[in-house]
Structure formats: C-alpha cells, structure tokens
Amino acid sequence: MGLTVVQYPSSVAGLRFALRLRKLVGAVWLVSMAVFVPAHLVIQRAAGPVRANLPNRELPDGEEMLLLAEQIRPVAGPLALALLSGAVAFLAWSVLWHAGTVRWSLGAGAARVHLAEILGHGAVWWWRYARLALMEIVVTLTALIAMWIPPLAIAGAIVSPDSAKGAGIVLATGLGLSLIVIIICRMAALRAAWLLGEPGRHSAIVAWLHGLGDSLRSPLRSVGPLVVWAVPGIGLLVLPLVVDGPLATTVMLLGWLGSAFCWVALYLSYAPPEAVTDWRRPMENRAAAGRSPVQP
C-alpha cells in the first residue's frame, strides 16, 4: 500500500514537528541569514558613509532614503549579484531540508532526530525536490503573467482622469487574483512534496497535479496552515524594518528565528499522519518474506 494523503493538513501537527525538530529550525535560521550576508555587507559599505555624515537634525520625509539610494546606485551591480546568488542559495537550501524532512518523517519519524541524517536524506533526494520547486516557480510565474496581461491592457487603455478610479479597481482586482494564484500554487506544492515521497513516484509534474487536485477539493482546510504559519512568518521578517535603535539587531535575529520556526511548522503541517506506518508496512512485509526492500 503506497502513501496516500487522505488526511487534511494539521497546523497542530506542524507545531509538534517544529518543536521536535529544534536543530533543523536553528539550521534554517542560520543558513537563511548567512546566504544574504554578502548583500547586507554591500549595503552597509555603501550606506555607512552616508549615515555617518547625516546632519544632526530630522530630515524631511523621503530625503534620507534619496541620499541612501544615491549612495547605493554605484554598487547596484554587486548588490544585484549578491541578492541573486543569495536567492539561489536560499532556494537550494530550502529544497535540501524539504526533501530531508519528508524522508525522515516517512521513514524514521518515530526515531531520534539527527540533523545530519535529515540533511543526508535531503542530499539524496535533492534533485527530485528541486524539480518540484522549479515547477512551482514556472507554473506560478506563467499563471501570473497570463493573468496580468488583460488588466494591464485595460488599465493602459484608460487614460482620462475621470477613469483613473476604474483603472485602480482593475489593478486592485489583479493584485487580489495574483494572491489567490500564489496561494493555490503554494498549497499544491506543499501537498505534492509529501506525495513525491511515495515509493516509486518520481514525477514532480504528476505529484504537483495530484497536490493541486487535493487542494481544490478541500480549499478551506488546505489553506488553514498556510494562514496560521505564513502570515506570522512574513510578519516576523518585516518586523525589523519598523524597529530602529539599539534593539534593531536583536529584533532582527529573534524575528528571523521565529520566522524559521514558522516555515518549518508550515511545511510539516502537510505531513500525512499515517506516513510512518504506510512507509514501513511494505518494507516490513518484504523483510518478512525474505526479500530485499526496494529503495525509493
């Protein structure tokens, strides 16, 4: 009997998993910050002299940002390269721990947690889950581009001042639909990740389509963990931007740590509760029959 995701996602199960995988949460936190250190250093090096030479008076709204933008402009190339390399490294790292946690949950979820074992499983399954991540990106971007062509054409055709409100409504509708598309694609990918761990399944496309079908059949239950964990996860990333002064660094570190916890809990909220049992049963049956277990 193969793995079939028949249970709805559970935010509570994701919380339990994240509390148990504390070392993984710490690793996600540290690596996620480290991959963007080069971009941070470029910004600090460019903006440091400007901040040091700012007058001891409050500047008009937006003037400080203009000064910083002027200072950063000469290093726009290195900054873009640092951000791009950080984003690629972050995606590769995310694929690694995503694949590792699926294999750990399906094969050894009741055993003691070893971070090295999780990452080792992730390295073996990395390319399988990289295909799933790339497919999610391509499908999401394609859907967004196709969806935005009509609103942009309509808004571009509206040029009279009296019709500006109508153009705003069209663009606001496009933004709302874009959010819905992103949520649907994310739900499909989260469900597909656990389906892709099924023995004998190697197609990211088939897994994603099954995940999409599962999400559309139970949209409210499927979106629950996404709301519970993604909203605070994003909020904790944004929080340091609104905090200034001596506590800014501390708030940033704690905010990123809390966000890492939310992302781990979100991913594991979609783990099927029966995963460990369903994975082991065929292995145990083969062992009892004197045959070698088939590796996924």
C-alpha atoms as a PDB file:
ATOM      1  CA  MET A   1       0.000   0.000   0.000  1.00  0.00           C
ATOM      2  CA  GLY A   2       1.567   3.309  -1.061  1.00  0.00           C
ATOM      3  CA  LEU A   3       1.403   6.627   0.661  1.00  0.00           C
ATOM      4  CA  THR A   4      -1.830   8.481   0.027  1.00  0.00           C
ATOM      5  CA  VAL A   5      -2.518  11.887   1.549  1.00  0.00           C
ATOM      6  CA  VAL A   6      -6.073  11.409   2.737  1.00  0.00           C
ATOM      7  CA  GLN A   7      -5.908  13.409   5.940  1.00  0.00           C
ATOM      8  CA  TYR A   8      -6.320  17.142   5.932  1.00  0.00           C
ATOM      9  CA  PRO A   9      -3.256  19.253   6.851  1.00  0.00           C
ATOM     10  CA  SER A  10      -2.873  19.988  10.536  1.00  0.00           C
ATOM     11  CA  SER A  11      -1.324  23.162  11.973  1.00  0.00           C
ATOM     12  CA  VAL A  12      -1.109  21.446  15.364  1.00  0.00           C
ATOM     13  CA  ALA A  13       0.891  18.579  13.861  1.00  0.00           C
ATOM     14  CA  GLY A  14       3.186  21.137  12.240  1.00  0.00           C
ATOM     15  CA  LEU A  15       3.734  22.763  15.629  1.00  0.00           C
ATOM     16  CA  ARG A  16       4.610  19.430  17.223  1.00  0.00           C
ATOM     17  CA  PHE A  17       7.030  18.589  14.430  1.00  0.00           C
ATOM     18  CA  ALA A  18       8.717  22.006  14.588  1.00  0.00           C
ATOM     19  CA  LEU A  19       9.175  21.738  18.356  1.00  0.00           C
ATOM     20  CA  ARG A  20      10.707  18.328  17.870  1.00  0.00           C
ATOM     21  CA  LEU A  21      12.990  19.454  15.037  1.00  0.00           C
ATOM     22  CA  ARG A  22      14.577  22.287  17.007  1.00  0.00           C
ATOM     23  CA  LYS A  23      18.004  21.677  15.466  1.00  0.00           C
ATOM     24  CA  LEU A  24      16.523  21.930  11.994  1.00  0.00           C
ATOM     25  CA  VAL A  25      14.816  25.205  12.920  1.00  0.00           C
ATOM     26  CA  GLY A  26      18.172  26.528  14.108  1.00  0.00           C
ATOM     27  CA  ALA A  27      19.869  25.415  10.902  1.00  0.00           C
ATOM     28  CA  VAL A  28      17.168  27.036   8.754  1.00  0.00           C
ATOM     29  CA  TRP A  29      17.603  30.234  10.765  1.00  0.00           C
ATOM     30  CA  LEU A  30      21.388  30.371  10.474  1.00  0.00           C
ATOM     31  CA  VAL A  31      21.646  29.396   6.814  1.00  0.00           C
ATOM     32  CA  SER A  32      18.801  31.695   5.768  1.00  0.00           C
ATOM     33  CA  MET A  33      20.624  34.661   7.308  1.00  0.00           C
ATOM     34  CA  ALA A  34      24.054  33.610   6.070  1.00  0.00           C
ATOM     35  CA  VAL A  35      23.092  33.418   2.392  1.00  0.00           C
ATOM     36  CA  PHE A  36      22.141  37.107   2.413  1.00  0.00           C
ATOM     37  CA  VAL A  37      25.189  38.335   4.358  1.00  0.00           C
ATOM     38  CA  PRO A  38      27.015  39.432   1.143  1.00  0.00           C
ATOM     39  CA  ALA A  39      24.074  41.660   0.138  1.00  0.00           C
ATOM     40  CA  HIS A  40      23.925  43.087   3.649  1.00  0.00           C
ATOM     41  CA  LEU A  41      27.653  43.876   3.587  1.00  0.00           C
ATOM     42  CA  VAL A  42      27.354  45.622   0.213  1.00  0.00           C
ATOM     43  CA  ILE A  43      24.531  47.808   1.528  1.00  0.00           C
ATOM     44  CA  GLN A  44      26.366  48.601   4.752  1.00  0.00           C
ATOM     45  CA  ARG A  45      29.553  49.506   2.911  1.00  0.00           C
ATOM     46  CA  ALA A  46      27.693  51.787   0.533  1.00  0.00           C
ATOM     47  CA  ALA A  47      25.300  53.350   3.030  1.00  0.00           C
ATOM     48  CA  GLY A  48      27.646  53.620   6.002  1.00  0.00           C
ATOM     49  CA  PRO A  49      29.360  56.878   4.959  1.00  0.00           C
ATOM     50  CA  VAL A  50      26.006  58.499   4.212  1.00  0.00           C
ATOM     51  CA  ARG A  51      24.581  57.611   7.602  1.00  0.00           C
ATOM     52  CA  ALA A  52      27.730  58.848   9.328  1.00  0.00           C
ATOM     53  CA  ASN A  53      27.558  62.226   7.576  1.00  0.00           C
ATOM     54  CA  LEU A  54      23.857  62.868   8.017  1.00  0.00           C
ATOM     55  CA  PRO A  55      23.119  66.189   9.760  1.00  0.00           C
ATOM     56  CA  ASN A  56      22.034  66.149  13.398  1.00  0.00           C
ATOM     57  CA  ARG A  57      18.519  67.155  12.547  1.00  0.00           C
ATOM     58  CA  GLU A  58      15.447  65.423  11.282  1.00  0.00           C
ATOM     59  CA  LEU A  59      15.395  65.281   7.523  1.00  0.00           C
ATOM     60  CA  PRO A  60      12.206  65.797   5.505  1.00  0.00           C
ATOM     61  CA  ASP A  61      10.250  62.676   4.698  1.00  0.00           C
ATOM     62  CA  GLY A  62      11.963  60.667   1.979  1.00  0.00           C
ATOM     63  CA  GLU A  63      15.156  62.731   1.861  1.00  0.00           C
ATOM     64  CA  GLU A  64      17.219  60.219   3.821  1.00  0.00           C
ATOM     65  CA  MET A  65      16.085  57.419   1.529  1.00  0.00           C
ATOM     66  CA  LEU A  66      17.043  59.510  -1.501  1.00  0.00           C
ATOM     67  CA  LEU A  67      20.544  60.014  -0.074  1.00  0.00           C
ATOM     68  CA  LEU A  68      20.908  56.292   0.565  1.00  0.00           C
ATOM     69  CA  ALA A  69      19.634  55.477  -2.938  1.00  0.00           C
ATOM     70  CA  GLU A  70      22.208  57.803  -4.469  1.00  0.00           C
ATOM     71  CA  GLN A  71      24.971  56.154  -2.461  1.00  0.00           C
ATOM     72  CA  ILE A  72      23.873  52.614  -3.352  1.00  0.00           C
ATOM     73  CA  ARG A  73      23.477  53.359  -7.075  1.00  0.00           C
ATOM     74  CA  PRO A  74      27.210  52.863  -7.885  1.00  0.00           C
ATOM     75  CA  VAL A  75      27.142  49.397  -6.302  1.00  0.00           C
ATOM     76  CA  ALA A  76      23.851  48.351  -7.914  1.00  0.00           C
ATOM     77  CA  GLY A  77      25.624  45.633  -9.935  1.00  0.00           C
ATOM     78  CA  PRO A  78      27.383  43.917  -6.996  1.00  0.00           C
ATOM     79  CA  LEU A  79      24.226  44.292  -4.903  1.00  0.00           C
ATOM     80  CA  ALA A  80      22.060  42.650  -7.573  1.00  0.00           C
ATOM     81  CA  LEU A  81      24.594  39.825  -7.924  1.00  0.00           C
ATOM     82  CA  ALA A  82      24.694  39.315  -4.151  1.00  0.00           C
ATOM     83  CA  LEU A  83      20.904  39.237  -3.936  1.00  0.00           C
ATOM     84  CA  LEU A  84      20.602  36.839  -6.878  1.00  0.00           C
ATOM     85  CA  SER A  85      23.243  34.458  -5.513  1.00  0.00           C
ATOM     86  CA  GLY A  86      21.600  34.635  -2.092  1.00  0.00           C
ATOM     87  CA  ALA A  87      18.208  33.801  -3.564  1.00  0.00           C
ATOM     88  CA  VAL A  88      19.647  30.811  -5.486  1.00  0.00           C
ATOM     89  CA  ALA A  89      21.479  29.558  -2.388  1.00  0.00           C
ATOM     90  CA  PHE A  90      18.326  30.012  -0.306  1.00  0.00           C
ATOM     91  CA  LEU A  91      16.274  28.015  -2.831  1.00  0.00           C
ATOM     92  CA  ALA A  92      18.862  25.208  -2.934  1.00  0.00           C
ATOM     93  CA  TRP A  93      18.958  25.076   0.871  1.00  0.00           C
ATOM     94  CA  SER A  94      15.157  25.045   1.108  1.00  0.00           C
ATOM     95  CA  VAL A  95      14.970  22.114  -1.319  1.00  0.00           C
ATOM     96  CA  LEU A  96      17.560  20.257   0.768  1.00  0.00           C
ATOM     97  CA  TRP A  97      15.730  20.434   4.080  1.00  0.00           C
ATOM     98  CA  HIS A  98      12.324  19.977   2.453  1.00  0.00           C
ATOM     99  CA  ALA A  99      13.440  16.681   0.905  1.00  0.00           C
ATOM    100  CA  GLY A 100      15.189  15.614   4.091  1.00  0.00           C
ATOM    101  CA  THR A 101      12.206  16.192   6.369  1.00  0.00           C
ATOM    102  CA  VAL A 102       9.892  14.246   4.044  1.00  0.00           C
ATOM    103  CA  ARG A 103      12.198  11.227   4.055  1.00  0.00           C
ATOM    104  CA  TRP A 104      12.736  11.499   7.817  1.00  0.00           C
ATOM    105  CA  SER A 105       9.011  11.690   8.532  1.00  0.00           C
ATOM    106  CA  LEU A 106       8.147   8.833   6.178  1.00  0.00           C
ATOM    107  CA  GLY A 107      10.982   6.529   7.132  1.00  0.00           C
ATOM    108  CA  ALA A 108      12.087   7.314  10.665  1.00  0.00           C
ATOM    109  CA  GLY A 109       9.563   9.724  12.126  1.00  0.00           C
ATOM    110  CA  ALA A 110       9.378   7.797  15.387  1.00  0.00           C
ATOM    111  CA  ALA A 111      13.136   7.630  15.871  1.00  0.00           C
ATOM    112  CA  ARG A 112      15.512  10.093  17.466  1.00  0.00           C
ATOM    113  CA  VAL A 113      16.111  13.175  15.375  1.00  0.00           C
ATOM    114  CA  HIS A 114      19.569  13.589  13.833  1.00  0.00           C
ATOM    115  CA  LEU A 115      20.087  16.742  11.792  1.00  0.00           C
ATOM    116  CA  ALA A 116      22.899  15.154   9.774  1.00  0.00           C
ATOM    117  CA  GLU A 117      20.582  12.262   8.851  1.00  0.00           C
ATOM    118  CA  ILE A 118      17.852  14.650   7.686  1.00  0.00           C
ATOM    119  CA  LEU A 119      20.305  16.619   5.544  1.00  0.00           C
ATOM    120  CA  GLY A 120      21.813  13.374   4.207  1.00  0.00           C
ATOM    121  CA  HIS A 121      18.391  12.193   3.057  1.00  0.00           C
ATOM    122  CA  GLY A 122      17.839  15.624   1.557  1.00  0.00           C
ATOM    123  CA  ALA A 123      21.052  15.368  -0.458  1.00  0.00           C
ATOM    124  CA  VAL A 124      19.953  12.002  -1.904  1.00  0.00           C
ATOM    125  CA  TRP A 125      16.524  13.293  -2.856  1.00  0.00           C
ATOM    126  CA  TRP A 126      17.610  16.854  -3.700  1.00  0.00           C
ATOM    127  CA  TRP A 127      17.125  16.726  -7.477  1.00  0.00           C
ATOM    128  CA  ARG A 128      13.671  15.161  -7.166  1.00  0.00           C
ATOM    129  CA  TYR A 129      12.502  18.051  -4.981  1.00  0.00           C
ATOM    130  CA  ALA A 130      14.424  20.639  -6.994  1.00  0.00           C
ATOM    131  CA  ARG A 131      12.272  19.681  -9.985  1.00  0.00           C
ATOM    132  CA  LEU A 132       9.167  20.238  -7.871  1.00  0.00           C
ATOM    133  CA  ALA A 133      10.405  23.658  -6.711  1.00  0.00           C
ATOM    134  CA  LEU A 134      11.275  24.724 -10.253  1.00  0.00           C
ATOM    135  CA  MET A 135       7.902  23.554 -11.497  1.00  0.00           C
ATOM    136  CA  GLU A 136       6.129  25.591  -8.817  1.00  0.00           C
ATOM    137  CA  ILE A 137       8.092  28.697  -9.817  1.00  0.00           C
ATOM    138  CA  VAL A 138       7.419  28.219 -13.536  1.00  0.00           C
ATOM    139  CA  VAL A 139       3.697  27.495 -13.067  1.00  0.00           C
ATOM    140  CA  THR A 140       3.236  30.440 -10.692  1.00  0.00           C
ATOM    141  CA  LEU A 141       5.060  32.920 -12.934  1.00  0.00           C
ATOM    142  CA  THR A 142       3.273  31.677 -16.057  1.00  0.00           C
ATOM    143  CA  ALA A 143      -0.130  31.973 -14.389  1.00  0.00           C
ATOM    144  CA  LEU A 144       0.653  35.460 -13.074  1.00  0.00           C
ATOM    145  CA  ILE A 145       1.926  36.718 -16.434  1.00  0.00           C
ATOM    146  CA  ALA A 146      -1.073  35.319 -18.293  1.00  0.00           C
ATOM    147  CA  MET A 147      -3.448  36.761 -15.708  1.00  0.00           C
ATOM    148  CA  TRP A 148      -1.884  40.245 -15.702  1.00  0.00           C
ATOM    149  CA  ILE A 149      -1.938  40.784 -19.474  1.00  0.00           C
ATOM    150  CA  PRO A 150      -5.677  41.713 -19.639  1.00  0.00           C
ATOM    151  CA  PRO A 151      -5.688  44.041 -16.551  1.00  0.00           C
ATOM    152  CA  LEU A 152      -2.592  45.903 -17.755  1.00  0.00           C
ATOM    153  CA  ALA A 153      -4.092  46.274 -21.227  1.00  0.00           C
ATOM    154  CA  ILE A 154      -7.336  47.616 -19.764  1.00  0.00           C
ATOM    155  CA  ALA A 155      -5.534  49.968 -17.381  1.00  0.00           C
ATOM    156  CA  GLY A 156      -3.307  51.216 -20.210  1.00  0.00           C
ATOM    157  CA  ALA A 157      -6.349  51.933 -22.348  1.00  0.00           C
ATOM    158  CA  ILE A 158      -7.867  54.093 -19.605  1.00  0.00           C
ATOM    159  CA  VAL A 159      -6.072  57.424 -19.919  1.00  0.00           C
ATOM    160  CA  SER A 160      -8.682  60.015 -18.943  1.00  0.00           C
ATOM    161  CA  PRO A 161      -8.552  61.422 -15.381  1.00  0.00           C
ATOM    162  CA  ASP A 162     -12.219  60.539 -14.886  1.00  0.00           C
ATOM    163  CA  SER A 163     -11.396  56.897 -15.491  1.00  0.00           C
ATOM    164  CA  ALA A 164      -8.423  56.727 -13.094  1.00  0.00           C
ATOM    165  CA  LYS A 165     -10.626  55.195 -10.415  1.00  0.00           C
ATOM    166  CA  GLY A 166     -11.664  52.453 -12.818  1.00  0.00           C
ATOM    167  CA  ALA A 167      -8.038  51.691 -13.609  1.00  0.00           C
ATOM    168  CA  GLY A 168      -7.286  51.467  -9.894  1.00  0.00           C
ATOM    169  CA  ILE A 169     -10.119  48.979  -9.429  1.00  0.00           C
ATOM    170  CA  VAL A 170      -8.799  46.870 -12.309  1.00  0.00           C
ATOM    171  CA  LEU A 171      -5.286  46.817 -10.846  1.00  0.00           C
ATOM    172  CA  ALA A 172      -6.555  46.070  -7.325  1.00  0.00           C
ATOM    173  CA  THR A 173      -8.552  43.157  -8.707  1.00  0.00           C
ATOM    174  CA  GLY A 174      -5.427  41.898 -10.452  1.00  0.00           C
ATOM    175  CA  LEU A 175      -3.467  42.043  -7.195  1.00  0.00           C
ATOM    176  CA  GLY A 176      -6.179  40.117  -5.377  1.00  0.00           C
ATOM    177  CA  LEU A 177      -6.293  37.432  -8.052  1.00  0.00           C
ATOM    178  CA  SER A 178      -2.491  37.240  -8.003  1.00  0.00           C
ATOM    179  CA  LEU A 179      -2.560  36.497  -4.288  1.00  0.00           C
ATOM    180  CA  ILE A 180      -5.110  33.734  -4.878  1.00  0.00           C
ATOM    181  CA  VAL A 181      -2.931  32.202  -7.621  1.00  0.00           C
ATOM    182  CA  ILE A 182       0.156  32.273  -5.382  1.00  0.00           C
ATOM    183  CA  ILE A 183      -1.755  30.644  -2.509  1.00  0.00           C
ATOM    184  CA  ILE A 184      -3.191  27.883  -4.723  1.00  0.00           C
ATOM    185  CA  CYS A 185       0.220  27.094  -6.230  1.00  0.00           C
ATOM    186  CA  ARG A 186       1.831  27.041  -2.779  1.00  0.00           C
ATOM    187  CA  MET A 187      -0.830  24.701  -1.375  1.00  0.00           C
ATOM    188  CA  ALA A 188      -0.430  22.381  -4.351  1.00  0.00           C
ATOM    189  CA  ALA A 189       3.355  22.288  -3.907  1.00  0.00           C
ATOM    190  CA  LEU A 190       3.114  21.616  -0.162  1.00  0.00           C
ATOM    191  CA  ARG A 191       0.790  18.678  -0.693  1.00  0.00           C
ATOM    192  CA  ALA A 192       2.822  17.464  -3.679  1.00  0.00           C
ATOM    193  CA  ALA A 193       6.009  17.366  -1.596  1.00  0.00           C
ATOM    194  CA  TRP A 194       4.611  14.585   0.562  1.00  0.00           C
ATOM    195  CA  LEU A 195       3.109  12.739  -2.382  1.00  0.00           C
ATOM    196  CA  LEU A 196       6.501  12.858  -4.091  1.00  0.00           C
ATOM    197  CA  GLY A 197       7.922  10.875  -1.178  1.00  0.00           C
ATOM    198  CA  GLU A 198       5.788   7.881  -2.123  1.00  0.00           C
ATOM    199  CA  PRO A 199       7.934   4.863  -3.097  1.00  0.00           C
ATOM    200  CA  GLY A 200       8.101   4.521  -6.844  1.00  0.00           C
ATOM    201  CA  ARG A 201       6.911   8.054  -7.565  1.00  0.00           C
ATOM    202  CA  HIS A 202       9.459  10.220  -9.369  1.00  0.00           C
ATOM    203  CA  SER A 203       7.383  12.639 -11.440  1.00  0.00           C
ATOM    204  CA  ALA A 204       7.173  16.134  -9.948  1.00  0.00           C
ATOM    205  CA  ILE A 205       4.511  17.015 -12.519  1.00  0.00           C
ATOM    206  CA  VAL A 206       2.189  14.171 -11.505  1.00  0.00           C
ATOM    207  CA  ALA A 207       2.738  14.866  -7.804  1.00  0.00           C
ATOM    208  CA  TRP A 208       2.005  18.578  -8.291  1.00  0.00           C
ATOM    209  CA  LEU A 209      -1.180  17.871 -10.243  1.00  0.00           C
ATOM    210  CA  HIS A 210      -2.385  15.485  -7.520  1.00  0.00           C
ATOM    211  CA  GLY A 211      -1.499  18.111  -4.909  1.00  0.00           C
ATOM    212  CA  LEU A 212      -3.484  20.701  -6.849  1.00  0.00           C
ATOM    213  CA  GLY A 213      -6.463  18.387  -7.008  1.00  0.00           C
ATOM    214  CA  ASP A 214      -6.301  17.675  -3.268  1.00  0.00           C
ATOM    215  CA  SER A 215      -6.084  21.401  -2.516  1.00  0.00           C
ATOM    216  CA  LEU A 216      -9.050  22.303  -4.723  1.00  0.00           C
ATOM    217  CA  ARG A 217     -11.183  19.528  -3.232  1.00  0.00           C
ATOM    218  CA  SER A 218     -10.683  20.931   0.294  1.00  0.00           C
ATOM    219  CA  PRO A 219      -9.586  24.563  -0.176  1.00  0.00           C
ATOM    220  CA  LEU A 220     -10.553  25.905   3.244  1.00  0.00           C
ATOM    221  CA  ARG A 221      -8.833  23.130   5.179  1.00  0.00           C
ATOM    222  CA  SER A 222      -5.823  23.224   2.877  1.00  0.00           C
ATOM    223  CA  VAL A 223      -5.307  26.958   3.272  1.00  0.00           C
ATOM    224  CA  GLY A 224      -5.593  26.816   7.081  1.00  0.00           C
ATOM    225  CA  PRO A 225      -1.947  26.001   7.902  1.00  0.00           C
ATOM    226  CA  LEU A 226      -0.810  28.484   5.245  1.00  0.00           C
ATOM    227  CA  VAL A 227      -2.657  31.276   7.049  1.00  0.00           C
ATOM    228  CA  VAL A 228      -1.643  30.096  10.520  1.00  0.00           C
ATOM    229  CA  TRP A 229       2.087  29.900   9.760  1.00  0.00           C
ATOM    230  CA  ALA A 230       2.823  32.039   6.680  1.00  0.00           C
ATOM    231  CA  VAL A 231       1.222  35.231   7.995  1.00  0.00           C
ATOM    232  CA  PRO A 232       3.321  35.400  11.202  1.00  0.00           C
ATOM    233  CA  GLY A 233       6.330  34.087   9.274  1.00  0.00           C
ATOM    234  CA  ILE A 234       6.191  37.024   6.878  1.00  0.00           C
ATOM    235  CA  GLY A 235       5.334  39.450   9.662  1.00  0.00           C
ATOM    236  CA  LEU A 236       8.398  38.449  11.683  1.00  0.00           C
ATOM    237  CA  LEU A 237      10.587  39.057   8.627  1.00  0.00           C
ATOM    238  CA  VAL A 238       9.142  42.537   8.146  1.00  0.00           C
ATOM    239  CA  LEU A 239       9.212  43.473  11.847  1.00  0.00           C
ATOM    240  CA  PRO A 240      12.907  44.531  11.904  1.00  0.00           C
ATOM    241  CA  LEU A 241      12.151  47.108   9.186  1.00  0.00           C
ATOM    242  CA  VAL A 242       9.921  49.082  11.544  1.00  0.00           C
ATOM    243  CA  VAL A 243      12.226  48.891  14.572  1.00  0.00           C
ATOM    244  CA  ASP A 244      15.121  51.308  14.885  1.00  0.00           C
ATOM    245  CA  GLY A 245      17.704  51.999  17.544  1.00  0.00           C
ATOM    246  CA  PRO A 246      19.796  49.720  19.751  1.00  0.00           C
ATOM    247  CA  LEU A 247      17.226  46.901  19.702  1.00  0.00           C
ATOM    248  CA  ALA A 248      17.111  46.667  15.913  1.00  0.00           C
ATOM    249  CA  THR A 249      19.745  43.900  15.658  1.00  0.00           C
ATOM    250  CA  THR A 250      18.193  41.857  18.472  1.00  0.00           C
ATOM    251  CA  VAL A 251      14.732  42.182  16.970  1.00  0.00           C
ATOM    252  CA  MET A 252      16.086  41.136  13.573  1.00  0.00           C
ATOM    253  CA  LEU A 253      17.753  37.995  14.949  1.00  0.00           C
ATOM    254  CA  LEU A 254      14.717  36.976  17.001  1.00  0.00           C
ATOM    255  CA  GLY A 255      12.350  37.808  14.153  1.00  0.00           C
ATOM    256  CA  TRP A 256      14.274  35.616  11.692  1.00  0.00           C
ATOM    257  CA  LEU A 257      14.389  32.802  14.266  1.00  0.00           C
ATOM    258  CA  GLY A 258      10.630  32.968  14.768  1.00  0.00           C
ATOM    259  CA  SER A 259      10.125  33.084  11.019  1.00  0.00           C
ATOM    260  CA  ALA A 260      12.306  29.978  10.535  1.00  0.00           C
ATOM    261  CA  PHE A 261      10.158  28.154  13.111  1.00  0.00           C
ATOM    262  CA  CYS A 262       7.007  29.154  11.199  1.00  0.00           C
ATOM    263  CA  TRP A 263       8.369  27.900   7.855  1.00  0.00           C
ATOM    264  CA  VAL A 264       9.353  24.529   9.315  1.00  0.00           C
ATOM    265  CA  ALA A 265       5.960  24.207  11.026  1.00  0.00           C
ATOM    266  CA  LEU A 266       4.174  25.178   7.806  1.00  0.00           C
ATOM    267  CA  TYR A 267       5.957  22.587   5.702  1.00  0.00           C
ATOM    268  CA  LEU A 268       5.416  19.802   8.222  1.00  0.00           C
ATOM    269  CA  SER A 269       1.759  20.722   8.732  1.00  0.00           C
ATOM    270  CA  TYR A 270       1.093  18.923   5.440  1.00  0.00           C
ATOM    271  CA  ALA A 271       2.737  15.673   6.538  1.00  0.00           C
ATOM    272  CA  PRO A 272       0.163  12.843   6.476  1.00  0.00           C
ATOM    273  CA  PRO A 273      -0.342  11.436   9.997  1.00  0.00           C
ATOM    274  CA  GLU A 274      -0.201   7.864   8.670  1.00  0.00           C
ATOM    275  CA  ALA A 275       3.045   8.448   6.770  1.00  0.00           C
ATOM    276  CA  VAL A 276       5.333   6.430   9.049  1.00  0.00           C
ATOM    277  CA  THR A 277       3.011   3.438   9.162  1.00  0.00           C
ATOM    278  CA  ASP A 278       2.374   3.384   5.419  1.00  0.00           C
ATOM    279  CA  TRP A 279       6.076   3.677   4.609  1.00  0.00           C
ATOM    280  CA  ARG A 280       7.173   0.877   6.937  1.00  0.00           C
ATOM    281  CA  ARG A 281       4.456  -1.644   6.174  1.00  0.00           C
ATOM    282  CA  PRO A 282       5.695  -2.631   2.669  1.00  0.00           C
ATOM    283  CA  MET A 283       9.279  -2.621   3.929  1.00  0.00           C
ATOM    284  CA  GLU A 284       8.394  -4.925   6.826  1.00  0.00           C
ATOM    285  CA  ASN A 285       6.345  -7.194   4.551  1.00  0.00           C
ATOM    286  CA  ARG A 286       9.270  -7.587   2.160  1.00  0.00           C
ATOM    287  CA  ALA A 287      11.655  -8.282   5.034  1.00  0.00           C
ATOM    288  CA  ALA A 288       9.276 -10.917   6.433  1.00  0.00           C
ATOM    289  CA  ALA A 289       9.083 -12.564   3.003  1.00  0.00           C
ATOM    290  CA  GLY A 290      12.859 -12.694   2.815  1.00  0.00           C
ATOM    291  CA  ARG A 291      13.160 -10.136   0.025  1.00  0.00           C
ATOM    292  CA  SER A 292      15.265  -7.026  -0.121  1.00  0.00           C
ATOM    293  CA  PRO A 293      13.314  -3.815   0.467  1.00  0.00           C
ATOM    294  CA  VAL A 294      13.029  -1.605  -2.573  1.00  0.00           C
ATOM    295  CA  GLN A 295      14.636   1.743  -2.041  1.00  0.00           C
ATOM    296  CA  PRO A 296      12.712   4.791  -3.241  1.00  0.00           C
END
